[in-house]
Protein backbone atom coordinates (compact mmCIF):
# COMPACT_ATOMS: atom_id res chain seq x y z
CA MET A 1 85.49 116.13 89.39
CA LYS A 2 88.64 116.34 91.49
CA ILE A 3 88.33 118.75 94.43
CA PRO A 4 91.42 121.00 94.93
CA LEU A 5 93.44 120.26 98.06
CA PRO A 6 92.69 123.56 99.90
CA LEU A 7 88.95 123.01 99.52
CA ARG A 8 89.19 119.35 100.47
CA LEU A 9 91.07 120.37 103.61
CA GLY A 10 88.02 122.18 104.93
CA LEU A 11 85.56 119.47 103.89
CA PHE A 12 87.68 116.72 105.41
CA ALA A 13 88.11 118.62 108.67
CA LEU A 14 84.35 119.23 108.93
CA SER A 15 83.44 115.61 108.33
CA LEU A 16 85.91 114.17 110.86
CA SER A 17 86.10 116.87 113.52
CA SER A 18 84.03 114.81 115.96
CA ILE A 19 86.34 111.79 115.66
CA CYS A 20 89.75 113.16 116.68
CA SER A 21 90.46 114.18 120.25
CA ALA A 22 93.15 116.49 121.57
CA ASN A 23 96.74 115.55 120.78
CA ASP A 24 95.81 112.60 118.56
CA VAL A 25 98.06 111.27 115.87
CA VAL A 26 96.44 113.04 112.92
CA LEU A 27 98.65 111.59 110.19
CA GLU A 28 100.92 108.55 110.15
CA GLU A 29 102.22 106.58 107.20
CA VAL A 30 105.13 104.32 106.37
CA PHE A 31 105.69 104.34 102.63
CA THR A 32 105.76 100.69 101.62
CA ALA A 33 103.55 101.20 98.54
CA LYS A 34 102.67 104.02 96.17
CA PRO A 35 100.83 106.82 98.03
CA GLY A 36 97.05 106.62 97.80
CA PRO A 37 94.71 109.29 96.39
CA GLU A 38 94.68 111.15 99.71
CA TRP A 39 98.18 112.35 98.76
CA GLU A 40 97.77 115.05 96.12
CA ASN A 41 100.39 116.12 93.60
CA VAL A 42 100.23 119.82 94.47
CA LEU A 43 102.20 121.11 91.49
CA ASN A 44 100.74 118.61 88.99
CA ARG A 45 104.17 117.57 87.80
CA GLY A 46 106.70 114.90 88.62
CA GLN A 47 105.88 111.45 89.90
CA ALA A 48 106.31 109.81 93.29
CA VAL A 49 107.48 106.21 93.30
CA VAL A 50 108.22 103.72 96.06
CA GLN A 51 111.51 101.87 95.71
CA PRO A 52 113.83 99.89 98.02
CA MET A 53 116.74 101.60 99.67
CA GLU A 54 120.14 99.90 99.88
CA ASN A 55 119.12 98.22 103.15
CA GLY A 56 116.01 96.75 101.49
CA ASP A 57 113.44 98.96 103.22
CA MET A 58 110.88 100.53 100.91
CA ALA A 59 110.73 104.32 100.74
CA LEU A 60 109.02 107.09 98.81
CA ARG A 61 111.11 108.90 96.20
CA ILE A 62 110.06 112.47 95.41
CA ASN A 63 111.65 113.95 92.32
CA ASN A 64 111.00 117.65 91.65
CA HIS A 65 107.48 117.91 92.99
CA VAL A 66 105.37 118.44 96.10
CA LEU A 67 102.93 116.01 97.73
CA GLY A 68 100.17 117.26 100.04
CA HIS A 69 97.95 115.49 102.58
CA ALA A 70 94.95 117.07 104.30
CA LEU A 71 94.68 116.72 108.07
CA PRO A 72 91.41 115.33 109.50
CA VAL A 73 91.04 118.32 111.84
CA PRO A 74 92.64 121.78 112.02
CA VAL A 75 95.66 122.00 114.33
CA LYS A 76 95.70 125.25 116.33
CA GLU A 77 97.54 124.67 119.61
CA HIS A 78 100.48 122.32 119.16
CA PHE A 79 102.02 119.96 116.65
CA GLU A 80 104.90 117.52 116.31
CA LEU A 81 105.77 116.60 112.74
CA GLU A 82 108.40 113.90 112.24
CA VAL A 83 109.68 112.36 109.03
CA GLU A 84 112.36 109.83 108.17
CA ALA A 85 114.12 111.46 105.22
CA LEU A 86 117.30 111.26 103.18
CA HIS A 87 118.69 112.77 100.02
CA GLY A 88 118.68 110.74 96.83
CA GLU A 89 121.66 112.47 95.22
CA ASP A 90 124.35 114.99 96.06
CA GLY A 91 123.56 118.66 95.48
CA ALA A 92 119.85 118.40 96.29
CA PHE A 93 117.28 120.16 98.48
CA LEU A 94 114.30 118.73 100.32
CA TRP A 95 111.72 120.24 102.62
CA PHE A 96 108.61 119.22 104.54
CA GLY A 97 106.16 121.35 106.48
CA VAL A 98 102.74 122.18 107.86
CA PHE A 99 100.53 124.72 106.10
CA ASP A 100 97.35 126.76 106.50
CA PRO A 101 94.10 125.78 104.70
CA LEU A 102 95.05 127.66 101.51
CA LEU A 103 98.63 126.32 101.43
CA GLU A 104 99.87 129.92 101.41
CA LYS A 105 101.47 130.12 104.87
CA GLY A 106 103.30 127.62 106.97
CA TYR A 107 106.46 126.41 108.68
CA ALA A 108 108.87 123.96 107.11
CA VAL A 109 112.18 122.21 107.64
CA GLY A 110 114.63 122.56 104.76
CA TRP A 111 117.70 120.38 104.22
CA GLN A 112 120.31 121.78 101.84
CA ALA A 113 122.87 119.37 100.42
CA PRO A 114 125.42 121.35 98.40
CA PRO A 115 127.73 119.31 96.13
CA GLY A 116 130.64 117.84 98.04
CA GLN A 117 129.11 118.30 101.51
CA ASN A 118 128.13 114.97 103.01
CA THR A 119 126.00 116.41 105.82
CA GLY A 120 124.50 119.62 104.45
CA ARG A 121 122.59 122.27 106.39
CA LEU A 122 119.21 122.23 108.13
CA GLY A 123 116.96 125.19 108.84
CA ILE A 124 113.47 126.26 109.95
CA TYR A 125 111.65 128.14 107.21
CA LYS A 126 108.65 130.43 107.37
CA VAL A 127 106.70 130.20 104.14
CA LYS A 128 104.54 133.07 102.89
CA LEU A 129 103.18 132.91 99.36
CA GLU A 130 101.43 135.45 97.21
CA GLN A 131 97.74 134.74 96.59
CA GLY A 132 97.37 132.02 93.99
CA GLU A 133 100.96 130.78 94.24
CA LYS A 134 101.85 127.21 95.10
CA PRO A 135 104.84 126.20 97.23
CA GLU A 136 107.68 125.30 94.87
CA ILE A 137 110.40 122.74 95.42
CA LEU A 138 113.09 125.43 95.82
CA PHE A 139 110.79 128.02 97.44
CA LYS A 140 111.16 130.25 94.39
CA GLY A 141 107.88 131.43 92.93
CA PRO A 142 106.99 133.10 89.64
CA GLU A 143 109.75 135.27 88.23
CA GLY A 144 112.09 134.08 90.97
CA SER A 145 110.10 135.55 93.87
CA ARG A 146 111.19 134.33 97.28
CA GLN A 147 108.57 132.17 98.97
CA ALA A 148 110.27 131.48 102.30
CA GLU A 149 112.73 132.90 104.78
CA ILE A 150 114.99 131.04 107.20
CA LEU A 151 114.21 131.75 110.82
CA GLY A 152 117.51 132.24 112.61
CA ALA A 153 120.44 130.48 110.96
CA GLU A 154 121.00 127.19 109.19
CA VAL A 155 122.85 124.55 111.18
CA LYS A 156 125.07 121.67 110.14
CA SER A 157 123.22 118.38 109.95
CA PRO A 158 124.48 115.67 112.31
CA HIS A 159 123.24 113.05 109.84
CA GLY A 160 124.82 112.32 106.47
CA THR A 161 122.70 113.36 103.50
CA LEU A 162 123.03 109.93 101.86
CA ALA A 163 123.69 107.78 104.94
CA GLU A 164 121.10 105.08 105.61
CA PRO A 165 119.01 104.66 107.63
CA PRO A 166 117.19 107.96 106.97
CA ALA A 167 117.48 110.83 109.41
CA LYS A 168 114.64 111.30 111.89
CA LEU A 169 113.77 114.98 111.50
CA LYS A 170 111.20 116.60 113.76
CA LEU A 171 109.60 120.04 113.91
CA VAL A 172 107.64 120.96 117.06
CA TRP A 173 105.41 124.05 117.35
CA ASN A 174 103.58 125.51 120.37
CA LYS A 175 101.09 128.35 120.05
CA ALA A 176 101.47 129.35 123.71
CA ASP A 177 104.96 130.78 123.22
CA GLY A 178 105.32 130.67 119.43
CA SER A 179 108.26 128.30 119.72
CA LEU A 180 109.50 126.21 116.80
CA VAL A 181 112.03 123.49 117.63
CA LEU A 182 113.98 121.47 115.07
CA SER A 183 115.68 118.23 115.99
CA CYS A 184 117.52 115.47 114.13
CA ASP A 185 117.88 111.93 115.48
CA GLY A 186 116.76 113.19 118.90
CA GLU A 187 119.26 116.07 119.04
CA GLU A 188 117.85 119.61 119.25
CA LEU A 189 119.48 121.76 116.60
CA ALA A 190 117.51 124.99 116.47
CA ARG A 191 114.88 126.86 118.45
CA GLU A 192 113.09 129.91 117.05
CA VAL A 193 110.00 131.98 117.86
CA ASP A 194 107.39 133.10 115.36
CA SER A 195 103.63 133.63 115.63
CA ASP A 196 102.60 134.54 112.09
CA VAL A 197 100.86 131.22 111.38
CA THR A 198 98.37 129.81 113.90
CA GLU A 199 96.17 127.33 112.03
CA PHE A 200 97.33 124.30 110.08
CA GLU A 201 95.38 121.89 107.88
CA GLY A 202 97.86 120.28 105.50
CA VAL A 203 101.22 118.49 105.50
CA LEU A 204 103.47 118.87 102.45
CA LEU A 205 106.51 116.81 101.44
CA SER A 206 108.88 118.05 98.75
CA GLY A 207 112.18 117.09 97.22
CA ASN A 208 114.32 116.98 94.13
CA LYS A 209 116.85 114.51 92.75
CA LYS A 210 114.78 111.63 94.14
CA SER A 211 114.63 112.71 97.79
CA VAL A 212 113.77 109.82 100.11
CA TYR A 213 110.90 109.70 102.62
CA ARG A 214 110.57 106.52 104.64
CA SER A 215 107.72 107.68 106.90
CA VAL A 216 105.75 110.68 108.14
CA LYS A 217 103.94 111.16 111.44
CA MET A 218 102.11 114.17 112.85
CA GLN A 219 100.33 114.59 116.13
CA GLY A 220 98.67 117.72 117.43
CA LYS A 221 95.57 119.47 118.61
């Protein structure tokens, strides 16, 4: 019997809590092959495939679904989540983030790519779902309910939405001051403060129109 991701989060954390020390890399993967069973299809729809980009590097393509990966230990003090990501087509939206054990609350980076805009807009999102909901690819729940709000304002991306190599997007969180910092290719773009979520146990990657993820790395404690 397949164990749901939120339950597996707790079991996985319990079994490995003695292995990971403070500020370890808790998740790191370069997508050169189809994701293993530790990556769960959260919405049970769509398929992830690994295909070459124009430069020949392999990358994960996510088309209208959400992939989730449990962390080996809960993160409660600090995290740095970095992905190499790119849009697959014009007029798309992708997001990635870190969530609580039930996948109902979290912080995410969203990258809007409206038709005709070759850079798009980046923003820090706070996600808050109703009980029983799952995070959707457009952050719109049942009957069009809004699942996330942008903290502060969206900012223009310094990286082209379709320009290889993929953008290096990073979200950094610190419990001490509630700060959330978004950067792209080493350039800080946004800094916000929010303290509504304080425990994280899962990383989610989402996209539509074949969004590209080359790699994902998270460290924290």
